[in-house]
C-alpha cells in the first residue's frame, strides 16, 4: 500500500509522509514538478519510512518534522506556528497536535483569499473511513489528482495498520486524553468549518476500470477530483465501521445516520468518502463532540477529557 500526498504549486512540490519514495519521485517527474521538501507528520515508519530514500533521489531536499519527534531523515525541525510557503500561492502552517506521538505535526494549507483551506492530520484525526487502500500488485500508477486553476494537488495514499480518523482519532501511543482533547477538539476543532480534512489512514478499495472524474465543491482551490484507480473489489468497511461505532455512542444523532447511509452508498458505487470537513467531523465524530453535556452524560462522564478517554476505550474494545 502507498501513502503519498503530493502538493504542487507552480511546478514546485511538497510531499506529505512519502513512505514509498520511488513512486513519489516518479509521479513528480511525470508531472514535471520539482520536489522541494517533505512534510512529515510523525516518526512512525509508515509515515517517515521513506525520508532517507527520497533524500537519496532528490539531493538537497528539505525534510521537515516536529521538533519533539525523532523523525527519520529530518533536516529541519518545526515547532507549533512555524510557516512555510510553496510556489506563489500555497501557505503551510505547522500545528503541534501531540498524543499519538509527542511531536506530531498537522499541516494546515491555505491558498488564495476566498479558497477553502485544507489540513493534513496524520494520525491525530481519522476520517470516518480513513485513506485509500490500493493493493500493490494491481496497479502501476494509482494517482489521485486534484486540479485547480493554476495548481495541481496530487494525492496517493497507502494502507496503514488499522487506526481510524474520519469519525475517529489516533490511539494515544505517546500521550494522554488531555493532550488528544487539546489537539483534536481545540487545535483542529478551531479551524474554519469548511476546512477539508485529509487524514493519514483511510482504507478504501475501488473497482474502477476507467478514468473517473468527480466534481468537488472546494471553493476555487480544488475544482476537479480526477481519480485513476485499478480494478479491485470495493471495500469501504472502515468508514462504515467507524460510523457504526459512532452511532452506538450517539444513537439519536441524525447526522451520523445520514452519513452512514451516504457512506454505504459510496461503498456500493465504488466511490471515495474523503475529504471530510471540520464541520462534518464536529457533527458526526464522537471524539470531536465530547464538549456536549448530553454526550458526556450518556456515557457516564462529567468532563470532555473524561468522555474522550472513555470513548477511546469503548472504540478499542468495540467488535462491531
C-alpha atoms as a PDB file:
ATOM      1  CA  UNK A   1       0.000   0.000   0.000  1.00  0.00           C
ATOM      2  CA  UNK A   2       1.199   3.512  -0.666  1.00  0.00           C
ATOM      3  CA  UNK A   3       0.972   6.769   1.148  1.00  0.00           C
ATOM      4  CA  UNK A   4       1.873   9.772  -0.962  1.00  0.00           C
ATOM      5  CA  UNK A   5       0.342  13.213  -0.614  1.00  0.00           C
ATOM      6  CA  UNK A   6       1.905  15.499  -3.184  1.00  0.00           C
ATOM      7  CA  UNK A   7       1.201  19.225  -3.044  1.00  0.00           C
ATOM      8  CA  UNK A   8       2.099  21.089  -6.218  1.00  0.00           C
ATOM      9  CA  UNK A   9       2.088  24.821  -6.847  1.00  0.00           C
ATOM     10  CA  UNK A  10       3.623  26.362  -9.949  1.00  0.00           C
ATOM     11  CA  UNK A  11       5.951  23.432 -10.617  1.00  0.00           C
ATOM     12  CA  UNK A  12       7.137  23.236  -7.008  1.00  0.00           C
ATOM     13  CA  UNK A  13       6.087  20.257  -4.914  1.00  0.00           C
ATOM     14  CA  UNK A  14       5.968  19.182  -1.295  1.00  0.00           C
ATOM     15  CA  UNK A  15       5.139  15.637  -0.290  1.00  0.00           C
ATOM     16  CA  UNK A  16       3.436  14.538   2.928  1.00  0.00           C
ATOM     17  CA  UNK A  17       4.678  11.294   4.513  1.00  0.00           C
ATOM     18  CA  UNK A  18       6.294   9.734   1.393  1.00  0.00           C
ATOM     19  CA  UNK A  19       6.733   6.134   2.510  1.00  0.00           C
ATOM     20  CA  UNK A  20       7.426   4.774  -0.974  1.00  0.00           C
ATOM     21  CA  UNK A  21       9.803   7.412  -2.211  1.00  0.00           C
ATOM     22  CA  UNK A  22      10.445   5.941  -5.654  1.00  0.00           C
ATOM     23  CA  UNK A  23       6.798   6.217  -6.638  1.00  0.00           C
ATOM     24  CA  UNK A  24       6.604   9.768  -5.324  1.00  0.00           C
ATOM     25  CA  UNK A  25       9.692  10.603  -7.375  1.00  0.00           C
ATOM     26  CA  UNK A  26       8.166   9.041 -10.497  1.00  0.00           C
ATOM     27  CA  UNK A  27       4.881  10.926 -10.071  1.00  0.00           C
ATOM     28  CA  UNK A  28       6.711  14.226  -9.629  1.00  0.00           C
ATOM     29  CA  UNK A  29       8.726  13.593 -12.784  1.00  0.00           C
ATOM     30  CA  UNK A  30       5.614  12.673 -14.748  1.00  0.00           C
ATOM     31  CA  UNK A  31       4.014  15.954 -13.711  1.00  0.00           C
ATOM     32  CA  UNK A  32       7.171  17.928 -14.441  1.00  0.00           C
ATOM     33  CA  UNK A  33       7.463  19.317 -10.929  1.00  0.00           C
ATOM     34  CA  UNK A  34      10.424  19.783  -8.619  1.00  0.00           C
ATOM     35  CA  UNK A  35      10.288  18.214  -5.155  1.00  0.00           C
ATOM     36  CA  UNK A  36      11.265  20.972  -2.736  1.00  0.00           C
ATOM     37  CA  UNK A  37      10.528  19.486   0.671  1.00  0.00           C
ATOM     38  CA  UNK A  38       8.966  16.694   2.710  1.00  0.00           C
ATOM     39  CA  UNK A  39       6.304  17.309   5.363  1.00  0.00           C
ATOM     40  CA  UNK A  40       6.441  14.527   7.953  1.00  0.00           C
ATOM     41  CA  UNK A  41       3.550  14.297  10.389  1.00  0.00           C
ATOM     42  CA  UNK A  42       5.291  11.958  12.864  1.00  0.00           C
ATOM     43  CA  UNK A  43       8.047   9.417  13.297  1.00  0.00           C
ATOM     44  CA  UNK A  44       6.171   6.132  12.780  1.00  0.00           C
ATOM     45  CA  UNK A  45       7.638   4.013   9.978  1.00  0.00           C
ATOM     46  CA  UNK A  46       4.504   4.192   7.851  1.00  0.00           C
ATOM     47  CA  UNK A  47       4.868   7.968   7.693  1.00  0.00           C
ATOM     48  CA  UNK A  48       8.612   8.676   7.918  1.00  0.00           C
ATOM     49  CA  UNK A  49       9.978   5.444   6.473  1.00  0.00           C
ATOM     50  CA  UNK A  50      10.671   6.881   3.019  1.00  0.00           C
ATOM     51  CA  UNK A  51      12.514  10.015   4.078  1.00  0.00           C
ATOM     52  CA  UNK A  52      16.042   8.662   3.712  1.00  0.00           C
ATOM     53  CA  UNK A  53      15.296   7.231   0.277  1.00  0.00           C
ATOM     54  CA  UNK A  54      13.761  10.415  -1.053  1.00  0.00           C
ATOM     55  CA  UNK A  55      16.834  12.314   0.160  1.00  0.00           C
ATOM     56  CA  UNK A  56      18.921   9.984  -1.997  1.00  0.00           C
ATOM     57  CA  UNK A  57      16.665  10.507  -5.003  1.00  0.00           C
ATOM     58  CA  UNK A  58      16.466  14.290  -4.569  1.00  0.00           C
ATOM     59  CA  UNK A  59      19.779  15.623  -3.227  1.00  0.00           C
ATOM     60  CA  UNK A  60      19.286  18.721  -1.115  1.00  0.00           C
ATOM     61  CA  UNK A  61      15.581  18.198  -0.470  1.00  0.00           C
ATOM     62  CA  UNK A  62      14.451  19.558   2.893  1.00  0.00           C
ATOM     63  CA  UNK A  63      12.738  17.159   5.280  1.00  0.00           C
ATOM     64  CA  UNK A  64      10.535  18.800   7.910  1.00  0.00           C
ATOM     65  CA  UNK A  65       9.289  17.182  11.101  1.00  0.00           C
ATOM     66  CA  UNK A  66       8.252  18.070  14.623  1.00  0.00           C
ATOM     67  CA  UNK A  67      10.978  19.287  16.960  1.00  0.00           C
ATOM     68  CA  UNK A  68       9.745  16.906  19.679  1.00  0.00           C
ATOM     69  CA  UNK A  69       9.600  13.880  17.385  1.00  0.00           C
ATOM     70  CA  UNK A  70      12.526  11.717  16.352  1.00  0.00           C
ATOM     71  CA  UNK A  71      11.683  11.910  12.647  1.00  0.00           C
ATOM     72  CA  UNK A  72      13.886   9.796  10.454  1.00  0.00           C
ATOM     73  CA  UNK A  73      15.931  11.836   7.977  1.00  0.00           C
ATOM     74  CA  UNK A  74      14.711  15.164   9.348  1.00  0.00           C
ATOM     75  CA  UNK A  75      16.791  18.161   8.235  1.00  0.00           C
ATOM     76  CA  UNK A  76      14.579  20.969   9.559  1.00  0.00           C
ATOM     77  CA  UNK A  77      12.613  20.824  12.803  1.00  0.00           C
ATOM     78  CA  UNK A  78       9.261  22.554  13.146  1.00  0.00           C
ATOM     79  CA  UNK A  79       7.526  23.994  16.162  1.00  0.00           C
ATOM     80  CA  UNK A  80       3.902  24.971  16.568  1.00  0.00           C
ATOM     81  CA  UNK A  81       3.146  28.054  14.491  1.00  0.00           C
ATOM     82  CA  UNK A  82       6.057  27.759  12.072  1.00  0.00           C
ATOM     83  CA  UNK A  83       5.157  28.606   8.478  1.00  0.00           C
ATOM     84  CA  UNK A  84       6.338  27.536   5.043  1.00  0.00           C
ATOM     85  CA  UNK A  85       5.353  28.540   1.523  1.00  0.00           C
ATOM     86  CA  UNK A  86       5.140  26.597  -1.710  1.00  0.00           C
ATOM     87  CA  UNK A  87       5.085  28.242  -5.104  1.00  0.00           C
ATOM     88  CA  UNK A  88       3.338  31.584  -5.174  1.00  0.00           C
ATOM     89  CA  UNK A  89       0.019  30.685  -3.564  1.00  0.00           C
ATOM     90  CA  UNK A  90       0.233  27.886  -1.004  1.00  0.00           C
ATOM     91  CA  UNK A  91       0.990  28.669   2.631  1.00  0.00           C
ATOM     92  CA  UNK A  92       1.645  25.913   5.157  1.00  0.00           C
ATOM     93  CA  UNK A  93       1.183  26.282   8.915  1.00  0.00           C
ATOM     94  CA  UNK A  94       2.631  23.691  11.303  1.00  0.00           C
ATOM     95  CA  UNK A  95       0.252  22.729  14.112  1.00  0.00           C
ATOM     96  CA  UNK A  96       1.610  20.749  17.050  1.00  0.00           C
ATOM     97  CA  UNK A  97      -1.006  18.033  17.681  1.00  0.00           C
ATOM     98  CA  UNK A  98       0.545  15.661  20.240  1.00  0.00           C
ATOM     99  CA  UNK A  99      -0.791  12.444  21.752  1.00  0.00           C
ATOM    100  CA  UNK A 100      -0.488   9.817  19.023  1.00  0.00           C
ATOM    101  CA  UNK A 101       3.183  10.810  19.228  1.00  0.00           C
ATOM    102  CA  UNK A 102       4.598  13.564  21.402  1.00  0.00           C
ATOM    103  CA  UNK A 103       5.844  15.624  18.470  1.00  0.00           C
ATOM    104  CA  UNK A 104       3.040  15.004  15.969  1.00  0.00           C
ATOM    105  CA  UNK A 105       2.514  17.823  13.457  1.00  0.00           C
ATOM    106  CA  UNK A 106      -0.580  18.548  11.365  1.00  0.00           C
ATOM    107  CA  UNK A 107      -0.204  20.766   8.300  1.00  0.00           C
ATOM    108  CA  UNK A 108      -2.771  23.470   7.593  1.00  0.00           C
ATOM    109  CA  UNK A 109      -2.768  24.610   3.960  1.00  0.00           C
ATOM    110  CA  UNK A 110      -4.195  27.866   2.642  1.00  0.00           C
ATOM    111  CA  UNK A 111      -4.265  29.312  -0.865  1.00  0.00           C
ATOM    112  CA  UNK A 112      -5.679  32.491  -2.320  1.00  0.00           C
ATOM    113  CA  UNK A 113      -8.245  34.584  -0.484  1.00  0.00           C
ATOM    114  CA  UNK A 114     -11.654  33.015  -0.782  1.00  0.00           C
ATOM    115  CA  UNK A 115     -10.359  29.484  -1.223  1.00  0.00           C
ATOM    116  CA  UNK A 116     -11.275  26.857   1.331  1.00  0.00           C
ATOM    117  CA  UNK A 117      -8.249  25.587   3.297  1.00  0.00           C
ATOM    118  CA  UNK A 118      -7.148  22.011   3.885  1.00  0.00           C
ATOM    119  CA  UNK A 119      -5.450  20.177   6.732  1.00  0.00           C
ATOM    120  CA  UNK A 120      -3.301  17.045   6.651  1.00  0.00           C
ATOM    121  CA  UNK A 121      -3.776  15.496  10.061  1.00  0.00           C
ATOM    122  CA  UNK A 122      -1.551  12.419  10.003  1.00  0.00           C
ATOM    123  CA  UNK A 123      -2.802  10.126  12.756  1.00  0.00           C
ATOM    124  CA  UNK A 124      -4.382  12.709  15.053  1.00  0.00           C
ATOM    125  CA  UNK A 125      -7.710  12.951  13.250  1.00  0.00           C
ATOM    126  CA  UNK A 126      -9.036   9.994  11.290  1.00  0.00           C
ATOM    127  CA  UNK A 127     -11.843  10.362   8.791  1.00  0.00           C
ATOM    128  CA  UNK A 128     -14.914   8.260   9.179  1.00  0.00           C
ATOM    129  CA  UNK A 129     -13.318   5.984   6.740  1.00  0.00           C
ATOM    130  CA  UNK A 130      -9.601   6.523   6.618  1.00  0.00           C
ATOM    131  CA  UNK A 131      -7.249   6.530   3.492  1.00  0.00           C
ATOM    132  CA  UNK A 132      -7.342   4.772   0.184  1.00  0.00           C
ATOM    133  CA  UNK A 133      -6.095   1.212   0.193  1.00  0.00           C
ATOM    134  CA  UNK A 134      -4.686   0.008  -3.100  1.00  0.00           C
ATOM    135  CA  UNK A 135      -3.275  -3.485  -3.483  1.00  0.00           C
ATOM    136  CA  UNK A 136       0.319  -3.091  -4.690  1.00  0.00           C
ATOM    137  CA  UNK A 137       0.055  -5.997  -7.123  1.00  0.00           C
ATOM    138  CA  UNK A 138      -2.850  -4.494  -9.012  1.00  0.00           C
ATOM    139  CA  UNK A 139      -1.557  -1.156 -10.137  1.00  0.00           C
ATOM    140  CA  UNK A 140       1.311   0.617 -11.781  1.00  0.00           C
ATOM    141  CA  UNK A 141       0.318   4.140 -11.003  1.00  0.00           C
ATOM    142  CA  UNK A 142      -2.658   4.936  -8.851  1.00  0.00           C
ATOM    143  CA  UNK A 143      -2.945   8.668  -8.674  1.00  0.00           C
ATOM    144  CA  UNK A 144      -5.489  10.953  -7.163  1.00  0.00           C
ATOM    145  CA  UNK A 145      -5.248  14.359  -8.749  1.00  0.00           C
ATOM    146  CA  UNK A 146      -6.952  17.474  -7.534  1.00  0.00           C
ATOM    147  CA  UNK A 147      -6.620  20.115 -10.232  1.00  0.00           C
ATOM    148  CA  UNK A 148      -7.316  23.757  -9.663  1.00  0.00           C
ATOM    149  CA  UNK A 149      -6.762  26.936 -11.632  1.00  0.00           C
ATOM    150  CA  UNK A 150      -3.006  27.131 -11.856  1.00  0.00           C
ATOM    151  CA  UNK A 151      -2.042  24.355  -9.488  1.00  0.00           C
ATOM    152  CA  UNK A 152      -2.377  20.645  -9.099  1.00  0.00           C
ATOM    153  CA  UNK A 153      -2.563  18.701  -5.895  1.00  0.00           C
ATOM    154  CA  UNK A 154      -1.903  15.027  -6.446  1.00  0.00           C
ATOM    155  CA  UNK A 155      -2.773  12.631  -3.690  1.00  0.00           C
ATOM    156  CA  UNK A 156      -1.967   8.991  -3.418  1.00  0.00           C
ATOM    157  CA  UNK A 157      -2.273   7.177  -0.131  1.00  0.00           C
ATOM    158  CA  UNK A 158      -1.111   3.883   1.248  1.00  0.00           C
ATOM    159  CA  UNK A 159      -2.652   1.484   3.702  1.00  0.00           C
ATOM    160  CA  UNK A 160      -1.950   1.969   7.367  1.00  0.00           C
ATOM    161  CA  UNK A 161      -2.232  -0.553  10.133  1.00  0.00           C
ATOM    162  CA  UNK A 162      -5.766  -0.112  11.333  1.00  0.00           C
ATOM    163  CA  UNK A 163      -6.052   3.285  13.019  1.00  0.00           C
ATOM    164  CA  UNK A 164      -9.098   5.310  12.084  1.00  0.00           C
ATOM    165  CA  UNK A 165      -9.737   9.005  11.806  1.00  0.00           C
ATOM    166  CA  UNK A 166     -12.767  10.259  10.000  1.00  0.00           C
ATOM    167  CA  UNK A 167     -15.261   9.858  12.769  1.00  0.00           C
ATOM    168  CA  UNK A 168     -12.325   8.700  14.845  1.00  0.00           C
ATOM    169  CA  UNK A 169      -8.923   9.592  16.239  1.00  0.00           C
ATOM    170  CA  UNK A 170      -5.494   8.021  16.576  1.00  0.00           C
ATOM    171  CA  UNK A 171      -4.553   5.854  19.506  1.00  0.00           C
ATOM    172  CA  UNK A 172      -2.881   7.512  22.490  1.00  0.00           C
ATOM    173  CA  UNK A 173       0.529   5.917  21.956  1.00  0.00           C
ATOM    174  CA  UNK A 174       2.686   8.685  23.454  1.00  0.00           C
ATOM    175  CA  UNK A 175       0.220  10.954  25.166  1.00  0.00           C
ATOM    176  CA  UNK A 176      -2.844  11.419  27.285  1.00  0.00           C
ATOM    177  CA  UNK A 177      -6.526  12.066  26.782  1.00  0.00           C
ATOM    178  CA  UNK A 178      -5.849  15.647  27.874  1.00  0.00           C
ATOM    179  CA  UNK A 179      -3.383  16.071  25.016  1.00  0.00           C
ATOM    180  CA  UNK A 180      -5.702  14.484  22.471  1.00  0.00           C
ATOM    181  CA  UNK A 181      -8.509  16.768  23.574  1.00  0.00           C
ATOM    182  CA  UNK A 182      -6.279  19.793  23.062  1.00  0.00           C
ATOM    183  CA  UNK A 183      -5.038  18.531  19.684  1.00  0.00           C
ATOM    184  CA  UNK A 184      -8.325  17.282  18.307  1.00  0.00           C
ATOM    185  CA  UNK A 185     -11.011  19.471  19.816  1.00  0.00           C
ATOM    186  CA  UNK A 186      -9.135  22.716  20.431  1.00  0.00           C
ATOM    187  CA  UNK A 187      -6.394  22.960  17.792  1.00  0.00           C
ATOM    188  CA  UNK A 188      -8.096  21.174  14.888  1.00  0.00           C
ATOM    189  CA  UNK A 189     -11.589  21.953  16.117  1.00  0.00           C
ATOM    190  CA  UNK A 190     -10.905  25.683  15.925  1.00  0.00           C
ATOM    191  CA  UNK A 191     -10.029  25.590  12.217  1.00  0.00           C
ATOM    192  CA  UNK A 192     -12.594  27.087   9.825  1.00  0.00           C
ATOM    193  CA  UNK A 193     -15.570  24.772   9.379  1.00  0.00           C
ATOM    194  CA  UNK A 194     -15.116  24.426   5.581  1.00  0.00           C
ATOM    195  CA  UNK A 195     -11.539  23.147   6.042  1.00  0.00           C
ATOM    196  CA  UNK A 196     -11.075  19.941   4.062  1.00  0.00           C
ATOM    197  CA  UNK A 197      -9.616  17.111   6.111  1.00  0.00           C
ATOM    198  CA  UNK A 198      -7.098  14.628   4.693  1.00  0.00           C
ATOM    199  CA  UNK A 199      -6.261  12.071   7.337  1.00  0.00           C
ATOM    200  CA  UNK A 200      -3.288   9.747   7.482  1.00  0.00           C
ATOM    201  CA  UNK A 201      -5.157   6.468   7.075  1.00  0.00           C
ATOM    202  CA  UNK A 202      -8.183   5.621   5.109  1.00  0.00           C
ATOM    203  CA  UNK A 203      -8.931   2.160   3.846  1.00  0.00           C
ATOM    204  CA  UNK A 204     -10.833   2.116   0.598  1.00  0.00           C
ATOM    205  CA  UNK A 205     -10.704  -0.336  -2.273  1.00  0.00           C
ATOM    206  CA  UNK A 206     -12.065   0.641  -5.644  1.00  0.00           C
ATOM    207  CA  UNK A 207     -13.305  -1.219  -8.669  1.00  0.00           C
ATOM    208  CA  UNK A 208     -12.809   1.466 -11.280  1.00  0.00           C
ATOM    209  CA  UNK A 209     -11.737   0.115 -14.671  1.00  0.00           C
ATOM    210  CA  UNK A 210     -11.639   3.552 -16.267  1.00  0.00           C
ATOM    211  CA  UNK A 211     -10.822   7.164 -15.534  1.00  0.00           C
ATOM    212  CA  UNK A 212     -13.361   8.567 -13.124  1.00  0.00           C
ATOM    213  CA  UNK A 213     -13.844  12.301 -12.731  1.00  0.00           C
ATOM    214  CA  UNK A 214     -15.855  13.711  -9.855  1.00  0.00           C
ATOM    215  CA  UNK A 215     -16.514  17.390  -9.287  1.00  0.00           C
ATOM    216  CA  UNK A 216     -15.592  18.526  -5.799  1.00  0.00           C
ATOM    217  CA  UNK A 217     -17.077  21.539  -4.048  1.00  0.00           C
ATOM    218  CA  UNK A 218     -13.879  23.028  -2.706  1.00  0.00           C
ATOM    219  CA  UNK A 219     -14.301  26.715  -3.490  1.00  0.00           C
ATOM    220  CA  UNK A 220     -11.807  27.611  -6.202  1.00  0.00           C
ATOM    221  CA  UNK A 221      -8.898  25.730  -4.715  1.00  0.00           C
ATOM    222  CA  UNK A 222      -9.758  22.230  -5.872  1.00  0.00           C
ATOM    223  CA  UNK A 223     -12.068  22.242  -8.874  1.00  0.00           C
ATOM    224  CA  UNK A 224     -11.817  18.722 -10.255  1.00  0.00           C
ATOM    225  CA  UNK A 225     -11.093  15.475  -8.472  1.00  0.00           C
ATOM    226  CA  UNK A 226      -9.715  13.056 -11.046  1.00  0.00           C
ATOM    227  CA  UNK A 227      -9.085   9.571  -9.827  1.00  0.00           C
ATOM    228  CA  UNK A 228      -7.048   6.960 -11.611  1.00  0.00           C
ATOM    229  CA  UNK A 229      -7.676   3.630  -9.967  1.00  0.00           C
ATOM    230  CA  UNK A 230      -7.184  -0.013 -10.773  1.00  0.00           C
ATOM    231  CA  UNK A 231      -9.699  -2.789 -10.869  1.00  0.00           C
ATOM    232  CA  UNK A 232     -10.180  -4.154  -7.402  1.00  0.00           C
ATOM    233  CA  UNK A 233     -13.105  -5.280  -5.229  1.00  0.00           C
ATOM    234  CA  UNK A 234     -14.609  -2.398  -3.315  1.00  0.00           C
ATOM    235  CA  UNK A 235     -14.498  -2.274   0.471  1.00  0.00           C
ATOM    236  CA  UNK A 236     -15.125   0.909   2.439  1.00  0.00           C
ATOM    237  CA  UNK A 237     -15.692  -1.056   5.607  1.00  0.00           C
ATOM    238  CA  UNK A 238     -13.586   1.211   7.805  1.00  0.00           C
ATOM    239  CA  UNK A 239     -15.667   4.289   7.061  1.00  0.00           C
ATOM    240  CA  UNK A 240     -18.825   2.335   7.610  1.00  0.00           C
ATOM    241  CA  UNK A 241     -17.454   0.659  10.741  1.00  0.00           C
ATOM    242  CA  UNK A 242     -16.412   3.973  12.261  1.00  0.00           C
ATOM    243  CA  UNK A 243     -19.842   5.433  11.603  1.00  0.00           C
ATOM    244  CA  UNK A 244     -21.489   2.348  13.007  1.00  0.00           C
ATOM    245  CA  UNK A 245     -19.445   2.785  16.174  1.00  0.00           C
ATOM    246  CA  UNK A 246     -20.309   6.483  16.269  1.00  0.00           C
ATOM    247  CA  UNK A 247     -23.987   5.542  16.132  1.00  0.00           C
ATOM    248  CA  UNK A 248     -23.570   3.381  19.248  1.00  0.00           C
ATOM    249  CA  UNK A 249     -22.215   6.406  21.109  1.00  0.00           C
ATOM    250  CA  UNK A 250     -24.970   8.706  19.835  1.00  0.00           C
ATOM    251  CA  UNK A 251     -27.850   6.538  18.604  1.00  0.00           C
ATOM    252  CA  UNK A 252     -30.144   9.569  18.220  1.00  0.00           C
ATOM    253  CA  UNK A 253     -27.685  11.629  16.135  1.00  0.00           C
ATOM    254  CA  UNK A 254     -29.447  12.008  12.781  1.00  0.00           C
ATOM    255  CA  UNK A 255     -26.323  13.348  11.046  1.00  0.00           C
ATOM    256  CA  UNK A 256     -24.429  10.157  11.872  1.00  0.00           C
ATOM    257  CA  UNK A 257     -27.243   8.075  10.408  1.00  0.00           C
ATOM    258  CA  UNK A 258     -27.317  10.251   7.302  1.00  0.00           C
ATOM    259  CA  UNK A 259     -23.578   9.966   6.824  1.00  0.00           C
ATOM    260  CA  UNK A 260     -23.675   6.225   7.417  1.00  0.00           C
ATOM    261  CA  UNK A 261     -26.309   5.871   4.700  1.00  0.00           C
ATOM    262  CA  UNK A 262     -24.206   8.057   2.417  1.00  0.00           C
ATOM    263  CA  UNK A 263     -21.041   6.046   3.126  1.00  0.00           C
ATOM    264  CA  UNK A 264     -22.878   2.831   2.329  1.00  0.00           C
ATOM    265  CA  UNK A 265     -23.983   4.410  -0.933  1.00  0.00           C
ATOM    266  CA  UNK A 266     -20.419   5.435  -1.752  1.00  0.00           C
ATOM    267  CA  UNK A 267     -19.290   1.919  -0.948  1.00  0.00           C
ATOM    268  CA  UNK A 268     -21.801   0.363  -3.322  1.00  0.00           C
ATOM    269  CA  UNK A 269     -20.829   2.820  -6.061  1.00  0.00           C
ATOM    270  CA  UNK A 270     -17.095   2.295  -5.523  1.00  0.00           C
ATOM    271  CA  UNK A 271     -16.573   5.965  -4.711  1.00  0.00           C
ATOM    272  CA  UNK A 272     -14.379   7.621  -2.062  1.00  0.00           C
ATOM    273  CA  UNK A 273     -15.595   9.326   1.085  1.00  0.00           C
ATOM    274  CA  UNK A 274     -12.771  11.789   1.540  1.00  0.00           C
ATOM    275  CA  UNK A 275     -12.148  14.564   2.078  1.00  0.00           C
ATOM    276  CA  UNK A 276     -14.234  15.285   5.103  1.00  0.00           C
ATOM    277  CA  UNK A 277     -14.529  18.757   6.593  1.00  0.00           C
ATOM    278  CA  UNK A 278     -14.075  20.089  10.088  1.00  0.00           C
ATOM    279  CA  UNK A 279     -17.792  20.881  10.147  1.00  0.00           C
ATOM    280  CA  UNK A 280     -18.728  17.296   9.246  1.00  0.00           C
ATOM    281  CA  UNK A 281     -16.413  15.957  11.921  1.00  0.00           C
ATOM    282  CA  UNK A 282     -17.938  18.246  14.530  1.00  0.00           C
ATOM    283  CA  UNK A 283     -21.343  16.825  13.603  1.00  0.00           C
ATOM    284  CA  UNK A 284     -20.507  13.115  13.301  1.00  0.00           C
ATOM    285  CA  UNK A 285     -17.210  12.315  15.029  1.00  0.00           C
ATOM    286  CA  UNK A 286     -17.868  11.390  18.686  1.00  0.00           C
ATOM    287  CA  UNK A 287     -14.249  12.186  19.593  1.00  0.00           C
ATOM    288  CA  UNK A 288     -14.821  15.787  18.485  1.00  0.00           C
ATOM    289  CA  UNK A 289     -18.198  16.107  20.221  1.00  0.00           C
ATOM    290  CA  UNK A 290     -17.076  15.477  23.783  1.00  0.00           C
ATOM    291  CA  UNK A 291     -17.787  19.082  24.807  1.00  0.00           C
ATOM    292  CA  UNK A 292     -21.505  18.337  24.582  1.00  0.00           C
ATOM    293  CA  UNK A 293     -23.005  17.767  28.066  1.00  0.00           C
ATOM    294  CA  UNK A 294     -25.614  15.383  26.653  1.00  0.00           C
ATOM    295  CA  UNK A 295     -22.909  13.164  25.145  1.00  0.00           C
ATOM    296  CA  UNK A 296     -20.908  13.207  28.378  1.00  0.00           C
ATOM    297  CA  UNK A 297     -23.968  12.261  30.403  1.00  0.00           C
ATOM    298  CA  UNK A 298     -24.965   9.456  28.048  1.00  0.00           C
ATOM    299  CA  UNK A 299     -21.695   7.624  28.738  1.00  0.00           C
ATOM    300  CA  UNK A 300     -21.469   8.459  32.434  1.00  0.00           C
ATOM    301  CA  UNK A 301     -18.813  11.165  32.203  1.00  0.00           C
ATOM    302  CA  UNK A 302     -18.611  14.657  33.633  1.00  0.00           C
ATOM    303  CA  UNK A 303     -15.944  16.365  31.522  1.00  0.00           C
ATOM    304  CA  UNK A 304     -14.771  16.470  27.892  1.00  0.00           C
ATOM    305  CA  UNK A 305     -11.451  14.804  28.689  1.00  0.00           C
ATOM    306  CA  UNK A 306     -13.109  12.033  30.671  1.00  0.00           C
ATOM    307  CA  UNK A 307     -15.537  11.469  27.800  1.00  0.00           C
ATOM    308  CA  UNK A 308     -12.733  11.362  25.235  1.00  0.00           C
ATOM    309  CA  UNK A 309     -10.849   8.804  27.305  1.00  0.00           C
ATOM    310  CA  UNK A 310     -13.982   6.699  27.718  1.00  0.00           C
ATOM    311  CA  UNK A 311     -14.888   6.776  24.015  1.00  0.00           C
ATOM    312  CA  UNK A 312     -11.339   5.797  23.053  1.00  0.00           C
ATOM    313  CA  UNK A 313     -11.573   2.803  25.403  1.00  0.00           C
ATOM    314  CA  UNK A 314     -15.015   1.943  24.037  1.00  0.00           C
ATOM    315  CA  UNK A 315     -13.641   2.035  20.499  1.00  0.00           C
ATOM    316  CA  UNK A 316     -10.648  -0.123  21.427  1.00  0.00           C
ATOM    317  CA  UNK A 317     -12.997  -2.752  22.862  1.00  0.00           C
ATOM    318  CA  UNK A 318     -15.696  -2.494  20.191  1.00  0.00           C
ATOM    319  CA  UNK A 319     -16.099  -5.543  17.974  1.00  0.00           C
ATOM    320  CA  UNK A 320     -18.847  -4.372  15.651  1.00  0.00           C
END
